[in-house]
Amino acid sequence: MQEFLIKNYISRLTTNEIDEFAKKHGIELKENELILIKQIIQKDWRTIIYGNPKPILDNIKTKLSNLQYQKIENLYIEFKQKYENYL
C-alpha cells in the first residue's frame, strides 16, 4: 500500500513542486536542473528510497553546482534518517 501511494504521488510530481520544496530548504535550481531532478526521481525513486542511491547521486553531482549538490545530498541524508522507520 505504501509503495502504491509513493508511486502515485511521484507520477504526479511537478517541477513547480520540486522548486518550492528546494527553495524552502535553501536550494536554488535552474529550470534544466529541476527537469533533471524530476526525471531522476520519477525513474529511480525505488532506489532512492529503498536502495543505494550513490550511483544516482554521483550522476547528478556532475550536473549541478557543488554547493547545490551538497545541499541536496545533506537534505537527502536528513530525510532518509528521519523517515527510515517508516520505509
PDB file of N, CA and C in Angstrom:
ATOM      1  N   MET A   1       0.823  -1.195   0.000  1.00  0.00           N
ATOM      2  CA  MET A   1       0.000   0.000   0.000  1.00  0.00           C
ATOM      3  C   MET A   1       0.869   1.260   0.000  1.00  0.00           C
ATOM      4  N   GLN A   2       1.877   1.282   0.865  1.00  0.00           N
ATOM      5  CA  GLN A   2       2.748   2.443   0.966  1.00  0.00           C
ATOM      6  C   GLN A   2       3.478   2.703  -0.356  1.00  0.00           C
ATOM      7  N   GLU A   3       3.970   1.644  -0.983  1.00  0.00           N
ATOM      8  CA  GLU A   3       4.663   1.799  -2.256  1.00  0.00           C
ATOM      9  C   GLU A   3       3.708   2.333  -3.326  1.00  0.00           C
ATOM     10  N   PHE A   4       2.479   1.886  -3.324  1.00  0.00           N
ATOM     11  CA  PHE A   4       1.479   2.368  -4.266  1.00  0.00           C
ATOM     12  C   PHE A   4       1.252   3.871  -4.093  1.00  0.00           C
ATOM     13  N   LEU A   5       1.147   4.324  -2.850  1.00  0.00           N
ATOM     14  CA  LEU A   5       0.925   5.741  -2.580  1.00  0.00           C
ATOM     15  C   LEU A   5       2.115   6.589  -3.034  1.00  0.00           C
ATOM     16  N   ILE A   6       3.313   6.105  -2.763  1.00  0.00           N
ATOM     17  CA  ILE A   6       4.514   6.829  -3.176  1.00  0.00           C
ATOM     18  C   ILE A   6       4.570   6.908  -4.703  1.00  0.00           C
ATOM     19  N   LYS A   7       4.361   5.779  -5.353  1.00  0.00           N
ATOM     20  CA  LYS A   7       4.400   5.730  -6.822  1.00  0.00           C
ATOM     21  C   LYS A   7       3.371   6.684  -7.421  1.00  0.00           C
ATOM     22  N   ASN A   8       2.187   6.699  -6.872  1.00  0.00           N
ATOM     23  CA  ASN A   8       1.118   7.560  -7.353  1.00  0.00           C
ATOM     24  C   ASN A   8       1.481   9.038  -7.176  1.00  0.00           C
ATOM     25  N   TYR A   9       2.025   9.378  -6.027  1.00  0.00           N
ATOM     26  CA  TYR A   9       2.421  10.763  -5.772  1.00  0.00           C
ATOM     27  C   TYR A   9       3.527  11.197  -6.738  1.00  0.00           C
ATOM     28  N   ILE A  10       4.533  10.374  -6.890  1.00  0.00           N
ATOM     29  CA  ILE A  10       5.674  10.712  -7.736  1.00  0.00           C
ATOM     30  C   ILE A  10       5.259  10.836  -9.200  1.00  0.00           C
ATOM     31  N   SER A  11       4.312  10.047  -9.636  1.00  0.00           N
ATOM     32  CA  SER A  11       3.869  10.133 -11.034  1.00  0.00           C
ATOM     33  C   SER A  11       3.219  11.481 -11.336  1.00  0.00           C
ATOM     34  N   ARG A  12       2.699  12.146 -10.315  1.00  0.00           N
ATOM     35  CA  ARG A  12       2.044  13.448 -10.499  1.00  0.00           C
ATOM     36  C   ARG A  12       2.950  14.623 -10.112  1.00  0.00           C
ATOM     37  N   LEU A  13       4.154  14.353  -9.667  1.00  0.00           N
ATOM     38  CA  LEU A  13       5.084  15.373  -9.206  1.00  0.00           C
ATOM     39  C   LEU A  13       5.414  16.367 -10.322  1.00  0.00           C
ATOM     40  N   THR A  14       5.429  17.648  -9.997  1.00  0.00           N
ATOM     41  CA  THR A  14       5.719  18.686 -10.988  1.00  0.00           C
ATOM     42  C   THR A  14       7.041  19.378 -10.647  1.00  0.00           C
ATOM     43  N   THR A  15       7.608  20.039 -11.642  1.00  0.00           N
ATOM     44  CA  THR A  15       8.833  20.800 -11.393  1.00  0.00           C
ATOM     45  C   THR A  15       8.551  21.971 -10.452  1.00  0.00           C
ATOM     46  N   ASN A  16       7.352  22.509 -10.491  1.00  0.00           N
ATOM     47  CA  ASN A  16       6.993  23.598  -9.556  1.00  0.00           C
ATOM     48  C   ASN A  16       7.031  23.105  -8.115  1.00  0.00           C
ATOM     49  N   GLU A  17       6.529  21.911  -7.870  1.00  0.00           N
ATOM     50  CA  GLU A  17       6.564  21.356  -6.509  1.00  0.00           C
ATOM     51  C   GLU A  17       8.001  21.113  -6.055  1.00  0.00           C
ATOM     52  N   ILE A  18       8.822  20.620  -6.962  1.00  0.00           N
ATOM     53  CA  ILE A  18      10.231  20.397  -6.637  1.00  0.00           C
ATOM     54  C   ILE A  18      10.907  21.729  -6.341  1.00  0.00           C
ATOM     55  N   ASP A  19      10.621  22.742  -7.153  1.00  0.00           N
ATOM     56  CA  ASP A  19      11.203  24.067  -6.969  1.00  0.00           C
ATOM     57  C   ASP A  19      10.798  24.661  -5.620  1.00  0.00           C
ATOM     58  N   GLU A  20       9.533  24.572  -5.282  1.00  0.00           N
ATOM     59  CA  GLU A  20       9.051  25.094  -3.997  1.00  0.00           C
ATOM     60  C   GLU A  20       9.726  24.380  -2.827  1.00  0.00           C
ATOM     61  N   PHE A  21       9.812  23.067  -2.905  1.00  0.00           N
ATOM     62  CA  PHE A  21      10.456  22.286  -1.848  1.00  0.00           C
ATOM     63  C   PHE A  21      11.927  22.663  -1.743  1.00  0.00           C
ATOM     64  N   ALA A  22      12.611  22.768  -2.873  1.00  0.00           N
ATOM     65  CA  ALA A  22      14.034  23.111  -2.877  1.00  0.00           C
ATOM     66  C   ALA A  22      14.250  24.493  -2.262  1.00  0.00           C
ATOM     67  N   LYS A  23      13.472  25.466  -2.694  1.00  0.00           N
ATOM     68  CA  LYS A  23      13.622  26.831  -2.167  1.00  0.00           C
ATOM     69  C   LYS A  23      13.350  26.884  -0.668  1.00  0.00           C
ATOM     70  N   LYS A  24      12.394  26.115  -0.219  1.00  0.00           N
ATOM     71  CA  LYS A  24      12.067  26.047   1.208  1.00  0.00           C
ATOM     72  C   LYS A  24      13.276  25.572   2.018  1.00  0.00           C
ATOM     73  N   HIS A  25      14.149  24.807   1.363  1.00  0.00           N
ATOM     74  CA  HIS A  25      15.334  24.267   2.029  1.00  0.00           C
ATOM     75  C   HIS A  25      16.627  24.935   1.553  1.00  0.00           C
ATOM     76  N   GLY A  26      16.485  26.128   0.962  1.00  0.00           N
ATOM     77  CA  GLY A  26      17.646  26.919   0.585  1.00  0.00           C
ATOM     78  C   GLY A  26      18.394  26.442  -0.642  1.00  0.00           C
ATOM     79  N   ILE A  27      17.697  25.735  -1.517  1.00  0.00           N
ATOM     80  CA  ILE A  27      18.321  25.211  -2.729  1.00  0.00           C
ATOM     81  C   ILE A  27      17.712  25.917  -3.937  1.00  0.00           C
ATOM     82  N   GLU A  28      18.549  26.615  -4.687  1.00  0.00           N
ATOM     83  CA  GLU A  28      18.111  27.314  -5.896  1.00  0.00           C
ATOM     84  C   GLU A  28      18.511  26.483  -7.105  1.00  0.00           C
ATOM     85  N   LEU A  29      17.535  26.069  -7.891  1.00  0.00           N
ATOM     86  CA  LEU A  29      17.796  25.254  -9.070  1.00  0.00           C
ATOM     87  C   LEU A  29      17.312  25.961 -10.328  1.00  0.00           C
ATOM     88  N   LYS A  30      18.059  25.795 -11.405  1.00  0.00           N
ATOM     89  CA  LYS A  30      17.664  26.322 -12.704  1.00  0.00           C
ATOM     90  C   LYS A  30      16.615  25.386 -13.306  1.00  0.00           C
ATOM     91  N   GLU A  31      15.926  25.866 -14.328  1.00  0.00           N
ATOM     92  CA  GLU A  31      14.856  25.079 -14.952  1.00  0.00           C
ATOM     93  C   GLU A  31      15.354  23.721 -15.434  1.00  0.00           C
ATOM     94  N   ASN A  32      16.511  23.697 -16.094  1.00  0.00           N
ATOM     95  CA  ASN A  32      17.036  22.416 -16.600  1.00  0.00           C
ATOM     96  C   ASN A  32      17.409  21.482 -15.446  1.00  0.00           C
ATOM     97  N   GLU A  33      17.829  22.036 -14.328  1.00  0.00           N
ATOM     98  CA  GLU A  33      18.151  21.216 -13.156  1.00  0.00           C
ATOM     99  C   GLU A  33      16.881  20.647 -12.533  1.00  0.00           C
ATOM    100  N   LEU A  34      15.828  21.435 -12.507  1.00  0.00           N
ATOM    101  CA  LEU A  34      14.541  20.955 -11.992  1.00  0.00           C
ATOM    102  C   LEU A  34      14.018  19.805 -12.839  1.00  0.00           C
ATOM    103  N   ILE A  35      14.133  19.945 -14.149  1.00  0.00           N
ATOM    104  CA  ILE A  35      13.687  18.879 -15.053  1.00  0.00           C
ATOM    105  C   ILE A  35      14.511  17.617 -14.820  1.00  0.00           C
ATOM    106  N   LEU A  36      15.816  17.779 -14.676  1.00  0.00           N
ATOM    107  CA  LEU A  36      16.697  16.638 -14.409  1.00  0.00           C
ATOM    108  C   LEU A  36      16.314  15.938 -13.113  1.00  0.00           C
ATOM    109  N   ILE A  37      16.131  16.701 -12.049  1.00  0.00           N
ATOM    110  CA  ILE A  37      15.762  16.129 -10.743  1.00  0.00           C
ATOM    111  C   ILE A  37      14.434  15.387 -10.844  1.00  0.00           C
ATOM    112  N   LYS A  38      13.454  15.992 -11.519  1.00  0.00           N
ATOM    113  CA  LYS A  38      12.143  15.350 -11.684  1.00  0.00           C
ATOM    114  C   LYS A  38      12.288  14.021 -12.417  1.00  0.00           C
ATOM    115  N   GLN A  39      13.039  14.011 -13.511  1.00  0.00           N
ATOM    116  CA  GLN A  39      13.232  12.783 -14.285  1.00  0.00           C
ATOM    117  C   GLN A  39      13.901  11.703 -13.446  1.00  0.00           C
ATOM    118  N   ILE A  40      14.898  12.083 -12.683  1.00  0.00           N
ATOM    119  CA  ILE A  40      15.606  11.105 -11.850  1.00  0.00           C
ATOM    120  C   ILE A  40      14.679  10.553 -10.774  1.00  0.00           C
ATOM    121  N   ILE A  41      13.937  11.422 -10.123  1.00  0.00           N
ATOM    122  CA  ILE A  41      13.006  10.965  -9.080  1.00  0.00           C
ATOM    123  C   ILE A  41      11.980  10.004  -9.673  1.00  0.00           C
ATOM    124  N   GLN A  42      11.397  10.377 -10.795  1.00  0.00           N
ATOM    125  CA  GLN A  42      10.357   9.535 -11.378  1.00  0.00           C
ATOM    126  C   GLN A  42      10.908   8.216 -11.909  1.00  0.00           C
ATOM    127  N   LYS A  43      12.124   8.199 -12.360  1.00  0.00           N
ATOM    128  CA  LYS A  43      12.716   6.976 -12.895  1.00  0.00           C
ATOM    129  C   LYS A  43      13.288   6.075 -11.791  1.00  0.00           C
ATOM    130  N   ASP A  44      13.933   6.672 -10.809  1.00  0.00           N
ATOM    131  CA  ASP A  44      14.723   5.903  -9.834  1.00  0.00           C
ATOM    132  C   ASP A  44      14.233   6.029  -8.394  1.00  0.00           C
ATOM    133  N   TRP A  45      12.976   6.336  -8.191  1.00  0.00           N
ATOM    134  CA  TRP A  45      12.506   6.587  -6.832  1.00  0.00           C
ATOM    135  C   TRP A  45      12.666   5.381  -5.911  1.00  0.00           C
ATOM    136  N   ARG A  46      12.484   4.179  -6.432  1.00  0.00           N
ATOM    137  CA  ARG A  46      12.624   2.993  -5.573  1.00  0.00           C
ATOM    138  C   ARG A  46      14.051   2.869  -5.038  1.00  0.00           C
ATOM    139  N   THR A  47      15.024   3.093  -5.906  1.00  0.00           N
ATOM    140  CA  THR A  47      16.425   3.031  -5.480  1.00  0.00           C
ATOM    141  C   THR A  47      16.731   4.160  -4.510  1.00  0.00           C
ATOM    142  N   ILE A  48      16.212   5.342  -4.781  1.00  0.00           N
ATOM    143  CA  ILE A  48      16.452   6.486  -3.900  1.00  0.00           C
ATOM    144  C   ILE A  48      15.895   6.216  -2.506  1.00  0.00           C
ATOM    145  N   ILE A  49      14.736   5.615  -2.432  1.00  0.00           N
ATOM    146  CA  ILE A  49      14.096   5.370  -1.138  1.00  0.00           C
ATOM    147  C   ILE A  49      14.602   4.093  -0.467  1.00  0.00           C
ATOM    148  N   TYR A  50      14.670   3.005  -1.211  1.00  0.00           N
ATOM    149  CA  TYR A  50      14.924   1.698  -0.604  1.00  0.00           C
ATOM    150  C   TYR A  50      16.329   1.142  -0.839  1.00  0.00           C
ATOM    151  N   GLY A  51      17.037   1.657  -1.826  1.00  0.00           N
ATOM    152  CA  GLY A  51      18.312   1.055  -2.199  1.00  0.00           C
ATOM    153  C   GLY A  51      19.502   1.947  -1.928  1.00  0.00           C
ATOM    154  N   ASN A  52      20.536   1.731  -2.709  1.00  0.00           N
ATOM    155  CA  ASN A  52      21.772   2.509  -2.605  1.00  0.00           C
ATOM    156  C   ASN A  52      21.746   3.599  -3.674  1.00  0.00           C
ATOM    157  N   PRO A  53      21.520   4.862  -3.287  1.00  0.00           N
ATOM    158  CA  PRO A  53      21.404   5.932  -4.265  1.00  0.00           C
ATOM    159  C   PRO A  53      22.750   6.525  -4.702  1.00  0.00           C
ATOM    160  N   LYS A  54      23.846   5.975  -4.222  1.00  0.00           N
ATOM    161  CA  LYS A  54      25.175   6.538  -4.515  1.00  0.00           C
ATOM    162  C   LYS A  54      25.405   6.752  -6.012  1.00  0.00           C
ATOM    163  N   PRO A  55      25.163   5.756  -6.886  1.00  0.00           N
ATOM    164  CA  PRO A  55      25.368   5.996  -8.321  1.00  0.00           C
ATOM    165  C   PRO A  55      24.476   7.116  -8.879  1.00  0.00           C
ATOM    166  N   ILE A  56      23.278   7.227  -8.364  1.00  0.00           N
ATOM    167  CA  ILE A  56      22.358   8.274  -8.809  1.00  0.00           C
ATOM    168  C   ILE A  56      22.880   9.639  -8.370  1.00  0.00           C
ATOM    169  N   LEU A  57      23.303   9.719  -7.122  1.00  0.00           N
ATOM    170  CA  LEU A  57      23.850  10.977  -6.610  1.00  0.00           C
ATOM    171  C   LEU A  57      25.132  11.359  -7.339  1.00  0.00           C
ATOM    172  N   ASP A  58      25.978  10.376  -7.612  1.00  0.00           N
ATOM    173  CA  ASP A  58      27.207  10.646  -8.363  1.00  0.00           C
ATOM    174  C   ASP A  58      26.891  11.200  -9.750  1.00  0.00           C
ATOM    175  N   ASN A  59      25.834  10.686 -10.359  1.00  0.00           N
ATOM    176  CA  ASN A  59      25.429  11.154 -11.683  1.00  0.00           C
ATOM    177  C   ASN A  59      24.990  12.613 -11.648  1.00  0.00           C
ATOM    178  N   ILE A  60      24.166  12.976 -10.682  1.00  0.00           N
ATOM    179  CA  ILE A  60      23.694  14.366 -10.643  1.00  0.00           C
ATOM    180  C   ILE A  60      24.767  15.318 -10.125  1.00  0.00           C
ATOM    181  N   LYS A  61      25.728  14.788  -9.403  1.00  0.00           N
ATOM    182  CA  LYS A  61      26.814  15.630  -8.879  1.00  0.00           C
ATOM    183  C   LYS A  61      27.543  16.346 -10.009  1.00  0.00           C
ATOM    184  N   THR A  62      27.676  15.686 -11.140  1.00  0.00           N
ATOM    185  CA  THR A  62      28.388  16.272 -12.275  1.00  0.00           C
ATOM    186  C   THR A  62      27.527  17.284 -13.029  1.00  0.00           C
ATOM    187  N   LYS A  63      26.240  17.338 -12.715  1.00  0.00           N
ATOM    188  CA  LYS A  63      25.323  18.189 -13.467  1.00  0.00           C
ATOM    189  C   LYS A  63      24.815  19.397 -12.680  1.00  0.00           C
ATOM    190  N   LEU A  64      25.235  19.503 -11.413  1.00  0.00           N
ATOM    191  CA  LEU A  64      24.818  20.616 -10.563  1.00  0.00           C
ATOM    192  C   LEU A  64      26.054  21.312 -10.003  1.00  0.00           C
ATOM    193  N   SER A  65      25.867  22.526  -9.516  1.00  0.00           N
ATOM    194  CA  SER A  65      26.978  23.201  -8.849  1.00  0.00           C
ATOM    195  C   SER A  65      27.307  22.439  -7.563  1.00  0.00           C
ATOM    196  N   ASN A  66      28.543  22.560  -7.120  1.00  0.00           N
ATOM    197  CA  ASN A  66      28.960  21.845  -5.905  1.00  0.00           C
ATOM    198  C   ASN A  66      28.108  22.226  -4.704  1.00  0.00           C
ATOM    199  N   LEU A  67      27.808  23.514  -4.575  1.00  0.00           N
ATOM    200  CA  LEU A  67      27.009  23.979  -3.440  1.00  0.00           C
ATOM    201  C   LEU A  67      25.605  23.390  -3.469  1.00  0.00           C
ATOM    202  N   GLN A  68      24.940  23.444  -4.616  1.00  0.00           N
ATOM    203  CA  GLN A  68      23.579  22.916  -4.713  1.00  0.00           C
ATOM    204  C   GLN A  68      23.566  21.400  -4.507  1.00  0.00           C
ATOM    205  N   TYR A  69      24.563  20.736  -5.089  1.00  0.00           N
ATOM    206  CA  TYR A  69      24.638  19.293  -4.905  1.00  0.00           C
ATOM    207  C   TYR A  69      24.808  18.948  -3.432  1.00  0.00           C
ATOM    208  N   GLN A  70      25.696  19.644  -2.744  1.00  0.00           N
ATOM    209  CA  GLN A  70      25.950  19.356  -1.325  1.00  0.00           C
ATOM    210  C   GLN A  70      24.690  19.568  -0.495  1.00  0.00           C
ATOM    211  N   LYS A  71      23.935  20.622  -0.812  1.00  0.00           N
ATOM    212  CA  LYS A  71      22.678  20.868  -0.094  1.00  0.00           C
ATOM    213  C   LYS A  71      21.685  19.729  -0.338  1.00  0.00           C
ATOM    214  N   ILE A  72      21.601  19.272  -1.581  1.00  0.00           N
ATOM    215  CA  ILE A  72      20.691  18.173  -1.910  1.00  0.00           C
ATOM    216  C   ILE A  72      21.109  16.891  -1.198  1.00  0.00           C
ATOM    217  N   GLU A  73      22.388  16.594  -1.212  1.00  0.00           N
ATOM    218  CA  GLU A  73      22.879  15.391  -0.547  1.00  0.00           C
ATOM    219  C   GLU A  73      22.606  15.449   0.957  1.00  0.00           C
ATOM    220  N   ASN A  74      22.867  16.586   1.584  1.00  0.00           N
ATOM    221  CA  ASN A  74      22.602  16.739   3.015  1.00  0.00           C
ATOM    222  C   ASN A  74      21.119  16.606   3.327  1.00  0.00           C
ATOM    223  N   LEU A  75      20.282  17.188   2.476  1.00  0.00           N
ATOM    224  CA  LEU A  75      18.835  17.089   2.666  1.00  0.00           C
ATOM    225  C   LEU A  75      18.375  15.644   2.513  1.00  0.00           C
ATOM    226  N   TYR A  76      18.920  14.941   1.530  1.00  0.00           N
ATOM    227  CA  TYR A  76      18.584  13.530   1.338  1.00  0.00           C
ATOM    228  C   TYR A  76      18.935  12.729   2.589  1.00  0.00           C
ATOM    229  N   ILE A  77      20.126  12.917   3.108  1.00  0.00           N
ATOM    230  CA  ILE A  77      20.570  12.185   4.298  1.00  0.00           C
ATOM    231  C   ILE A  77      19.665  12.504   5.488  1.00  0.00           C
ATOM    232  N   GLU A  78      19.356  13.778   5.660  1.00  0.00           N
ATOM    233  CA  GLU A  78      18.480  14.191   6.769  1.00  0.00           C
ATOM    234  C   GLU A  78      17.117  13.512   6.688  1.00  0.00           C
ATOM    235  N   PHE A  79      16.491  13.537   5.506  1.00  0.00           N
ATOM    236  CA  PHE A  79      15.165  12.943   5.352  1.00  0.00           C
ATOM    237  C   PHE A  79      15.215  11.416   5.400  1.00  0.00           C
ATOM    238  N   LYS A  80      16.264  10.838   4.878  1.00  0.00           N
ATOM    239  CA  LYS A  80      16.416   9.364   4.918  1.00  0.00           C
ATOM    240  C   LYS A  80      16.471   8.902   6.374  1.00  0.00           C
ATOM    241  N   GLN A  81      17.241   9.597   7.192  1.00  0.00           N
ATOM    242  CA  GLN A  81      17.344   9.245   8.609  1.00  0.00           C
ATOM    243  C   GLN A  81      16.028   9.518   9.348  1.00  0.00           C
ATOM    244  N   LYS A  82      15.405  10.609   9.023  1.00  0.00           N
ATOM    245  CA  LYS A  82      14.160  10.994   9.691  1.00  0.00           C
ATOM    246  C   LYS A  82      13.030   9.997   9.440  1.00  0.00           C
ATOM    247  N   TYR A  83      12.954   9.475   8.210  1.00  0.00           N
ATOM    248  CA  TYR A  83      11.840   8.621   7.831  1.00  0.00           C
ATOM    249  C   TYR A  83      12.185   7.153   7.645  1.00  0.00           C
ATOM    250  N   GLU A  84      13.403   6.755   8.012  1.00  0.00           N
ATOM    251  CA  GLU A  84      13.803   5.365   7.763  1.00  0.00           C
ATOM    252  C   GLU A  84      12.918   4.345   8.479  1.00  0.00           C
ATOM    253  N   ASN A  85      12.356   4.693   9.603  1.00  0.00           N
ATOM    254  CA  ASN A  85      11.492   3.764  10.327  1.00  0.00           C
ATOM    255  C   ASN A  85      10.148   3.553   9.643  1.00  0.00           C
ATOM    256  N   TYR A  86       9.804   4.449   8.730  1.00  0.00           N
ATOM    257  CA  TYR A  86       8.518   4.356   8.040  1.00  0.00           C
ATOM    258  C   TYR A  86       8.620   3.634   6.699  1.00  0.00           C
ATOM    259  N   LEU A  87       9.857   3.361   6.258  1.00  0.00           N
ATOM    260  CA  LEU A  87      10.041   2.767   4.931  1.00  0.00           C
ATOM    261  C   LEU A  87      10.355   1.300   5.002  1.00  0.00           C
TER     262      LEU A  87
END
